[in-house]
Each structure stands twice: as structure tokens, then as C-alpha cells.
């Protein structure tokens, strides 16, 4: 049980770090948006790419989390 919760804790810490770093990147890009039209188009494109990355990474983390839960349930049986 202790190993299971430490594994979950590790996975959640990784997800929190990823979401926070993505937030920082989006904050920097939002500052860059005020300069030129080219920067505006570039920043909008990068924001869409960052959002797509967050969705893919979150899906991967939830999949890994599901595998850990399945492994734990099999261990209990």
C-alpha cells in the first residue's frame, strides 16, 4: 500500500510540474503578444501547440495512473 501511494505521489508531482511549467510558458508568450502582428500569429500558434501538448501529456499521465491502479488491484487479489 505504501509503494502504491508513493507511486501515485510521484506521478501527481510530475503532472503538477508539467502544468506549472506550461503555465509559465503561456505567461511568457502572453507578454510577447503585444509587439507585432507576426508575433501575435506566432504566439497564437504556439499557444495552440502548448494546449495540445497539455492534453496529450495529461492523457498519458492518466493512462499511467490507470495502469498503476490496475497493478495494485491485481496485487490485492
C-alpha atoms as a PDB file:
ATOM      1  CA  UNK A   1       0.000   0.000   0.000  1.00  0.00           C
ATOM      2  CA  UNK A   2       2.868   2.338   0.851  1.00  0.00           C
ATOM      3  CA  UNK A   3       4.546   1.695  -2.512  1.00  0.00           C
ATOM      4  CA  UNK A   4       1.272   2.359  -4.324  1.00  0.00           C
ATOM      5  CA  UNK A   5       0.745   5.736  -2.674  1.00  0.00           C
ATOM      6  CA  UNK A   6       4.368   6.786  -3.181  1.00  0.00           C
ATOM      7  CA  UNK A   7       3.989   5.915  -6.871  1.00  0.00           C
ATOM      8  CA  UNK A   8       0.797   7.973  -7.102  1.00  0.00           C
ATOM      9  CA  UNK A   9       2.531  10.845  -5.297  1.00  0.00           C
ATOM     10  CA  UNK A  10       5.400  10.758  -7.794  1.00  0.00           C
ATOM     11  CA  UNK A  11       3.041  10.777 -10.771  1.00  0.00           C
ATOM     12  CA  UNK A  12       0.998  13.668  -9.369  1.00  0.00           C
ATOM     13  CA  UNK A  13       4.156  15.693  -8.678  1.00  0.00           C
ATOM     14  CA  UNK A  14       5.217  15.214 -12.292  1.00  0.00           C
ATOM     15  CA  UNK A  15       1.820  16.345 -13.532  1.00  0.00           C
ATOM     16  CA  UNK A  16       1.865  19.424 -11.275  1.00  0.00           C
ATOM     17  CA  UNK A  17       5.353  20.357 -12.502  1.00  0.00           C
ATOM     18  CA  UNK A  18       4.342  19.968 -16.135  1.00  0.00           C
ATOM     19  CA  UNK A  19       1.182  22.050 -15.773  1.00  0.00           C
ATOM     20  CA  UNK A  20       3.074  24.772 -13.881  1.00  0.00           C
ATOM     21  CA  UNK A  21       5.863  24.933 -16.477  1.00  0.00           C
ATOM     22  CA  UNK A  22       3.281  25.101 -19.276  1.00  0.00           C
ATOM     23  CA  UNK A  23       1.606  27.959 -17.408  1.00  0.00           C
ATOM     24  CA  UNK A  24       4.909  29.833 -17.233  1.00  0.00           C
ATOM     25  CA  UNK A  25       5.459  29.339 -20.969  1.00  0.00           C
ATOM     26  CA  UNK A  26       1.957  30.638 -21.696  1.00  0.00           C
ATOM     27  CA  UNK A  27       2.603  33.647 -19.444  1.00  0.00           C
ATOM     28  CA  UNK A  28       5.804  34.497 -21.322  1.00  0.00           C
ATOM     29  CA  UNK A  29       4.002  34.113 -24.646  1.00  0.00           C
ATOM     30  CA  UNK A  30       1.209  36.392 -23.469  1.00  0.00           C
ATOM     31  CA  UNK A  31       3.776  39.132 -22.793  1.00  0.00           C
ATOM     32  CA  UNK A  32       5.197  38.698 -26.292  1.00  0.00           C
ATOM     33  CA  UNK A  33       1.753  39.120 -27.837  1.00  0.00           C
ATOM     34  CA  UNK A  34       1.763  42.925 -27.571  1.00  0.00           C
ATOM     35  CA  UNK A  35       4.573  43.680 -30.035  1.00  0.00           C
ATOM     36  CA  UNK A  36       3.742  42.876 -33.663  1.00  0.00           C
ATOM     37  CA  UNK A  37       1.188  41.122 -35.823  1.00  0.00           C
ATOM     38  CA  UNK A  38       3.730  38.455 -36.692  1.00  0.00           C
ATOM     39  CA  UNK A  39       4.354  37.847 -33.001  1.00  0.00           C
ATOM     40  CA  UNK A  40       0.601  37.658 -32.475  1.00  0.00           C
ATOM     41  CA  UNK A  41       0.243  34.921 -35.092  1.00  0.00           C
ATOM     42  CA  UNK A  42       3.305  33.124 -33.757  1.00  0.00           C
ATOM     43  CA  UNK A  43       2.082  33.285 -30.186  1.00  0.00           C
ATOM     44  CA  UNK A  44      -1.424  32.091 -31.063  1.00  0.00           C
ATOM     45  CA  UNK A  45       0.079  29.145 -32.924  1.00  0.00           C
ATOM     46  CA  UNK A  46       2.378  28.327 -30.022  1.00  0.00           C
ATOM     47  CA  UNK A  47      -0.497  28.558 -27.551  1.00  0.00           C
ATOM     48  CA  UNK A  48      -2.473  26.055 -29.595  1.00  0.00           C
ATOM     49  CA  UNK A  49       0.551  23.754 -29.678  1.00  0.00           C
ATOM     50  CA  UNK A  50       1.011  24.131 -25.900  1.00  0.00           C
ATOM     51  CA  UNK A  51      -2.638  23.328 -25.245  1.00  0.00           C
ATOM     52  CA  UNK A  52      -2.388  20.253 -27.460  1.00  0.00           C
ATOM     53  CA  UNK A  53       0.735  19.214 -25.547  1.00  0.00           C
ATOM     54  CA  UNK A  54      -1.077  19.593 -22.219  1.00  0.00           C
ATOM     55  CA  UNK A  55      -3.925  17.378 -23.449  1.00  0.00           C
ATOM     56  CA  UNK A  56      -1.607  14.676 -24.777  1.00  0.00           C
ATOM     57  CA  UNK A  57       0.583  14.749 -21.665  1.00  0.00           C
ATOM     58  CA  UNK A  58      -2.434  14.656 -19.335  1.00  0.00           C
ATOM     59  CA  UNK A  59      -3.858  11.711 -21.258  1.00  0.00           C
ATOM     60  CA  UNK A  60      -0.531   9.900 -20.924  1.00  0.00           C
ATOM     61  CA  UNK A  61      -0.332  10.611 -17.184  1.00  0.00           C
ATOM     62  CA  UNK A  62      -3.881   9.400 -16.604  1.00  0.00           C
ATOM     63  CA  UNK A  63      -3.103   6.252 -18.603  1.00  0.00           C
ATOM     64  CA  UNK A  64      -0.029   5.582 -16.441  1.00  0.00           C
ATOM     65  CA  UNK A  65      -2.116   6.281 -13.328  1.00  0.00           C
ATOM     66  CA  UNK A  66      -4.752   3.790 -14.530  1.00  0.00           C
ATOM     67  CA  UNK A  67      -2.056   1.165 -15.084  1.00  0.00           C
ATOM     68  CA  UNK A  68      -0.792   1.702 -11.514  1.00  0.00           C
ATOM     69  CA  UNK A  69      -4.287   1.263 -10.116  1.00  0.00           C
ATOM     70  CA  UNK A  70      -4.828  -1.894 -12.185  1.00  0.00           C
ATOM     71  CA  UNK A  71      -1.484  -3.257 -10.989  1.00  0.00           C
ATOM     72  CA  UNK A  72      -2.433  -2.502  -7.380  1.00  0.00           C
ATOM     73  CA  UNK A  73      -5.838  -4.194  -7.749  1.00  0.00           C
ATOM     74  CA  UNK A  74      -4.195  -7.302  -9.236  1.00  0.00           C
ATOM     75  CA  UNK A  75      -1.742  -7.286  -6.324  1.00  0.00           C
ATOM     76  CA  UNK A  76      -4.623  -7.284  -3.827  1.00  0.00           C
ATOM     77  CA  UNK A  77      -6.290 -10.316  -5.441  1.00  0.00           C
END
